[in-house]
Amino acid sequence: QVQLVESGGGLVQAGGSLRLSCAASGGTFSSYVLGWFRQAPGREREFVAAIMWTGSSTYYADSVKGRFTISRDNAKNTAYLQMNSLKSEDTAVYYCAAQIGSSYSTASRYNYWGQGTQVTVSS
């Protein structure tokens, strides 16, 4: 069974940066999609970004394009989310997830989820 562990969340001022990490274990990750989602209080879980475990294809929600960058380090079995120019509306619990399919923005298609890491952006 695949296990995912997020880290790197914290408190940052608006305009600042954070880098989240997602360490994956327990499976062979070729053909997997790695995604980042977030959930703010009182709101639905929303797609943030995704990357193919192999290859170079990446996908972003419109709300984070130009500010966030998803990447991977295959040797470490780790994915990253670099978040720049952070805004108060980016405050949420951020989750990494993995799926075998290709529906990268659909939360219900992801089979494995991490525990989440809190990101708080102060004004």
Protein backbone atom coordinates (compact mmCIF):
# COMPACT_ATOMS: atom_id res chain seq x y z
CA GLN A 1 0.00 0.00 0.00
CA VAL A 2 1.24 3.47 -0.89
CA GLN A 3 1.97 5.81 2.00
CA LEU A 4 2.32 9.58 1.61
CA VAL A 5 3.68 12.00 4.22
CA GLU A 6 3.53 15.78 3.81
CA SER A 7 5.81 18.27 5.51
CA GLY A 8 6.88 21.90 5.23
CA GLY A 9 3.75 23.76 6.24
CA GLY A 10 3.78 26.66 8.63
CA LEU A 11 3.03 30.33 9.14
CA VAL A 12 4.22 32.84 6.56
CA GLN A 13 3.47 36.48 5.81
CA ALA A 14 1.65 37.49 2.65
CA GLY A 15 4.08 37.74 -0.24
CA GLY A 16 6.36 35.12 1.24
CA SER A 17 7.21 31.58 0.17
CA LEU A 18 6.99 28.02 1.43
CA ARG A 19 8.01 24.67 0.00
CA LEU A 20 5.91 21.62 0.80
CA SER A 21 7.27 18.09 0.48
CA CYS A 22 5.45 14.79 -0.06
CA ALA A 23 7.46 11.64 0.63
CA ALA A 24 6.04 8.52 -1.00
CA SER A 25 6.71 4.89 -0.10
CA GLY A 26 5.25 1.42 -0.50
CA GLY A 27 4.82 1.22 -4.25
CA THR A 28 6.24 1.54 -7.72
CA PHE A 29 5.30 5.00 -8.91
CA SER A 30 5.62 4.74 -12.64
CA SER A 31 2.14 5.34 -14.14
CA TYR A 32 1.06 7.24 -11.00
CA VAL A 33 -0.15 10.82 -10.83
CA LEU A 34 0.98 12.88 -7.81
CA GLY A 35 -1.35 15.72 -6.90
CA TRP A 36 -1.65 18.51 -4.35
CA PHE A 37 -5.04 19.53 -2.97
CA ARG A 38 -6.07 22.01 -0.30
CA GLN A 39 -9.04 22.55 1.96
CA ALA A 40 -9.83 25.79 3.75
CA PRO A 41 -12.29 26.00 6.66
CA GLY A 42 -15.87 25.80 5.43
CA ARG A 43 -14.85 25.06 1.85
CA GLU A 44 -14.61 22.01 -0.36
CA ARG A 45 -11.33 20.31 -1.10
CA GLU A 46 -9.87 21.81 -4.27
CA PHE A 47 -7.24 20.82 -6.79
CA VAL A 48 -3.97 22.76 -6.69
CA ALA A 49 -1.40 21.02 -8.91
CA ALA A 50 -0.39 17.62 -10.28
CA ILE A 51 2.62 15.98 -11.89
CA MET A 52 3.20 12.69 -13.64
CA TRP A 53 5.63 10.51 -11.68
CA THR A 54 7.54 9.97 -14.90
CA GLY A 55 7.73 12.45 -17.71
CA SER A 56 7.44 16.22 -17.53
CA SER A 57 3.71 16.98 -17.65
CA THR A 58 2.41 19.32 -14.94
CA TYR A 59 -1.03 20.80 -14.29
CA TYR A 60 -2.17 23.76 -12.18
CA ALA A 61 -5.37 25.30 -10.93
CA ASP A 62 -5.98 28.75 -12.39
CA SER A 63 -5.79 30.28 -8.91
CA VAL A 64 -2.12 29.29 -8.47
CA LYS A 65 -0.69 29.49 -11.99
CA GLY A 66 2.43 31.63 -12.07
CA ARG A 67 2.89 31.41 -8.29
CA PHE A 68 3.15 27.69 -7.45
CA THR A 69 5.46 25.11 -8.99
CA ILE A 70 5.13 21.34 -8.61
CA SER A 71 8.20 19.17 -9.04
CA ARG A 72 9.56 15.74 -8.18
CA ASP A 73 12.76 13.99 -7.18
CA ASN A 74 12.47 10.40 -8.34
CA ALA A 75 15.60 9.30 -6.46
CA LYS A 76 14.00 10.41 -3.18
CA ASN A 77 10.45 9.35 -4.09
CA THR A 78 9.41 12.85 -3.15
CA ALA A 79 7.22 15.51 -4.73
CA TYR A 80 7.36 19.21 -3.90
CA LEU A 81 5.11 22.23 -4.10
CA GLN A 82 7.00 25.52 -4.19
CA MET A 83 4.61 28.31 -3.23
CA ASN A 84 5.61 31.91 -3.95
CA SER A 85 3.78 35.23 -3.62
CA LEU A 86 1.49 33.70 -1.03
CA LYS A 87 -1.87 35.31 -0.31
CA SER A 88 -4.20 35.04 2.65
CA GLU A 89 -6.62 33.04 0.49
CA ASP A 90 -3.95 30.33 0.15
CA THR A 91 -4.47 29.48 3.83
CA ALA A 92 -5.60 25.85 4.01
CA VAL A 93 -4.61 22.33 4.92
CA TYR A 94 -2.60 20.99 2.00
CA TYR A 95 -2.72 17.30 1.07
CA CYS A 96 -0.70 15.26 -1.35
CA ALA A 97 -2.36 12.36 -3.13
CA ALA A 98 -1.62 9.62 -5.67
CA GLN A 99 -3.68 7.79 -8.27
CA ILE A 100 -3.04 5.19 -10.93
CA GLY A 101 -5.27 6.88 -13.53
CA SER A 102 -5.06 10.20 -15.33
CA SER A 103 -7.93 12.28 -13.90
CA TYR A 104 -5.47 14.64 -12.27
CA SER A 105 -7.89 17.30 -10.98
CA THR A 106 -10.58 14.96 -9.62
CA ALA A 107 -10.15 14.28 -5.91
CA SER A 108 -12.39 11.19 -5.93
CA ARG A 109 -10.07 9.46 -8.40
CA TYR A 110 -7.08 9.57 -6.05
CA ASN A 111 -6.47 6.33 -4.16
CA TYR A 112 -3.93 7.43 -1.54
CA TRP A 113 -3.73 10.54 0.64
CA GLY A 114 -1.30 12.03 3.10
CA GLN A 115 -2.27 13.38 6.51
CA GLY A 116 -2.11 17.03 5.47
CA THR A 117 0.02 19.98 6.51
CA GLN A 118 -1.29 23.37 7.60
CA VAL A 119 -0.32 26.49 5.65
CA THR A 120 -1.31 29.80 7.21
CA VAL A 121 -0.66 33.07 5.40
CA SER A 122 -0.94 36.20 7.54
CA SER A 123 -1.71 39.65 6.19
